[in-house]
Amino acid sequence: VSVNAQVLIQKIDSLIQNDEGSAAIQIIDEYLTNKNVEEFKIALQLKKAEALILSQEYNKAESIINTLKATRLSLQEDAELKIIEGSLQLYQGKNDQAQETLLEAEKLLQREGILN
């Protein structure tokens, strides 16, 4: 991923962490529709799902999650997707499902060597 892509993802992360989901979504949508972002399109879609959850737009987030599940993902992207899906399930009160999904993410991250 290019330096510009990393800077953009960091900016979006900062907005999400500062509870500015709507601003993050606006930037993501602008890039997804107006820029050539193939190299980091999945990362943007993951961030959009995260921002939608923050904005309580659970159905839209779930739609992105389901679309990404049908996409070929790296182990790390798959783990991040499961973390986001687990978060959505927690917000929806599906605690047992969330725990299972988050444990799957943990296993993927351990396999990737990110968690020990």
Protein backbone atom coordinates (compact mmCIF):
# COMPACT_ATOMS: atom_id res chain seq x y z
CA VAL A 1 0.00 0.00 0.00
CA SER A 2 1.36 3.39 -0.98
CA VAL A 3 2.33 6.12 1.46
CA ASN A 4 -0.66 8.21 0.34
CA ALA A 5 -3.00 5.29 1.04
CA GLN A 6 -1.49 4.81 4.50
CA VAL A 7 -1.91 8.52 5.28
CA LEU A 8 -5.55 8.38 4.15
CA ILE A 9 -6.26 5.29 6.26
CA GLN A 10 -4.62 6.97 9.28
CA LYS A 11 -6.79 10.06 8.74
CA ILE A 12 -9.92 7.90 8.56
CA ASP A 13 -8.84 5.96 11.68
CA SER A 14 -8.37 9.25 13.51
CA LEU A 15 -11.88 10.39 12.56
CA ILE A 16 -13.36 7.07 13.71
CA GLN A 17 -11.47 7.20 17.01
CA ASN A 18 -12.73 10.75 17.57
CA ASP A 19 -16.33 9.59 17.08
CA GLU A 20 -16.63 11.35 13.70
CA GLY A 21 -18.08 8.44 11.72
CA SER A 22 -20.04 10.66 9.33
CA ALA A 23 -16.92 12.60 8.31
CA ALA A 24 -15.04 9.31 7.81
CA ILE A 25 -17.84 7.92 5.63
CA GLN A 26 -17.87 11.09 3.52
CA ILE A 27 -14.13 10.84 2.83
CA ILE A 28 -14.32 7.11 2.12
CA ASP A 29 -17.24 7.54 -0.31
CA GLU A 30 -15.39 10.33 -2.10
CA TYR A 31 -12.36 8.09 -2.62
CA LEU A 32 -14.38 5.01 -3.56
CA THR A 33 -16.30 6.89 -6.25
CA ASN A 34 -13.76 9.41 -7.58
CA LYS A 35 -10.31 7.90 -7.23
CA ASN A 36 -8.42 4.87 -8.48
CA VAL A 37 -8.20 3.01 -5.17
CA GLU A 38 -7.95 -0.64 -6.23
CA GLU A 39 -4.82 -1.21 -4.15
CA PHE A 40 -6.60 -0.27 -0.92
CA LYS A 41 -10.30 -0.57 -1.78
CA ILE A 42 -10.82 -3.39 0.74
CA ALA A 43 -9.18 -1.33 3.50
CA LEU A 44 -11.53 1.56 2.69
CA GLN A 45 -14.57 -0.73 2.72
CA LEU A 46 -13.50 -2.16 6.10
CA LYS A 47 -13.14 1.36 7.49
CA LYS A 48 -16.53 2.31 6.06
CA ALA A 49 -18.20 -0.63 7.81
CA GLU A 50 -16.49 0.43 11.05
CA ALA A 51 -17.66 4.04 10.62
CA LEU A 52 -21.21 2.91 9.79
CA ILE A 53 -21.34 0.91 13.03
CA LEU A 54 -20.18 4.00 14.90
CA SER A 55 -22.96 5.97 13.16
CA GLN A 56 -25.49 3.28 14.16
CA GLU A 57 -26.17 2.39 10.53
CA TYR A 58 -26.04 -1.33 11.26
CA ASN A 59 -27.86 -2.57 8.13
CA LYS A 60 -25.47 -0.71 5.84
CA ALA A 61 -22.47 -2.00 7.80
CA GLU A 62 -23.82 -5.55 7.63
CA SER A 63 -24.26 -5.23 3.86
CA ILE A 64 -20.60 -4.23 3.43
CA ILE A 65 -19.50 -7.04 5.75
CA ASN A 66 -21.48 -9.60 3.73
CA THR A 67 -20.05 -8.27 0.46
CA LEU A 68 -16.51 -8.51 1.83
CA LYS A 69 -17.12 -12.06 3.09
CA ALA A 70 -17.60 -13.08 -0.55
CA THR A 71 -14.30 -11.41 -1.52
CA ARG A 72 -10.85 -12.98 -1.51
CA LEU A 73 -9.16 -11.45 1.54
CA SER A 74 -5.72 -11.78 3.08
CA LEU A 75 -5.58 -13.37 6.54
CA GLN A 76 -5.10 -9.95 8.10
CA GLU A 77 -8.04 -8.44 6.16
CA ASP A 78 -10.20 -11.43 7.12
CA ALA A 79 -9.24 -10.98 10.78
CA GLU A 80 -10.07 -7.27 10.60
CA LEU A 81 -13.40 -8.09 8.96
CA LYS A 82 -14.20 -10.53 11.78
CA ILE A 83 -13.31 -7.90 14.39
CA ILE A 84 -15.65 -5.41 12.72
CA GLU A 85 -18.37 -8.06 12.36
CA GLY A 86 -17.94 -8.98 16.04
CA SER A 87 -18.29 -5.33 16.98
CA LEU A 88 -21.49 -5.09 14.96
CA GLN A 89 -22.85 -8.20 16.66
CA LEU A 90 -22.08 -6.69 20.08
CA TYR A 91 -23.95 -3.50 19.17
CA GLN A 92 -26.86 -5.65 17.99
CA GLY A 93 -26.90 -7.54 21.31
CA LYS A 94 -25.77 -10.81 19.70
CA ASN A 95 -23.18 -11.46 22.39
CA ASP A 96 -22.69 -15.21 21.81
CA GLN A 97 -22.18 -14.70 18.07
CA ALA A 98 -19.86 -11.78 18.74
CA GLN A 99 -17.70 -13.84 21.09
CA GLU A 100 -17.42 -16.62 18.50
CA THR A 101 -16.59 -14.17 15.70
CA LEU A 102 -13.99 -12.35 17.78
CA LEU A 103 -12.36 -15.67 18.76
CA GLU A 104 -12.12 -16.53 15.05
CA ALA A 105 -10.38 -13.19 14.48
CA GLU A 106 -7.98 -13.91 17.32
CA LYS A 107 -7.09 -17.30 15.79
CA LEU A 108 -6.43 -15.68 12.41
CA LEU A 109 -4.19 -13.05 13.98
CA GLN A 110 -2.29 -15.72 15.88
CA ARG A 111 -1.82 -17.70 12.66
CA GLU A 112 -0.57 -14.52 10.97
CA GLY A 113 1.88 -14.02 13.84
CA ILE A 114 0.33 -10.70 14.87
CA LEU A 115 -0.86 -12.07 18.24
CA ASN A 116 1.10 -14.54 20.33
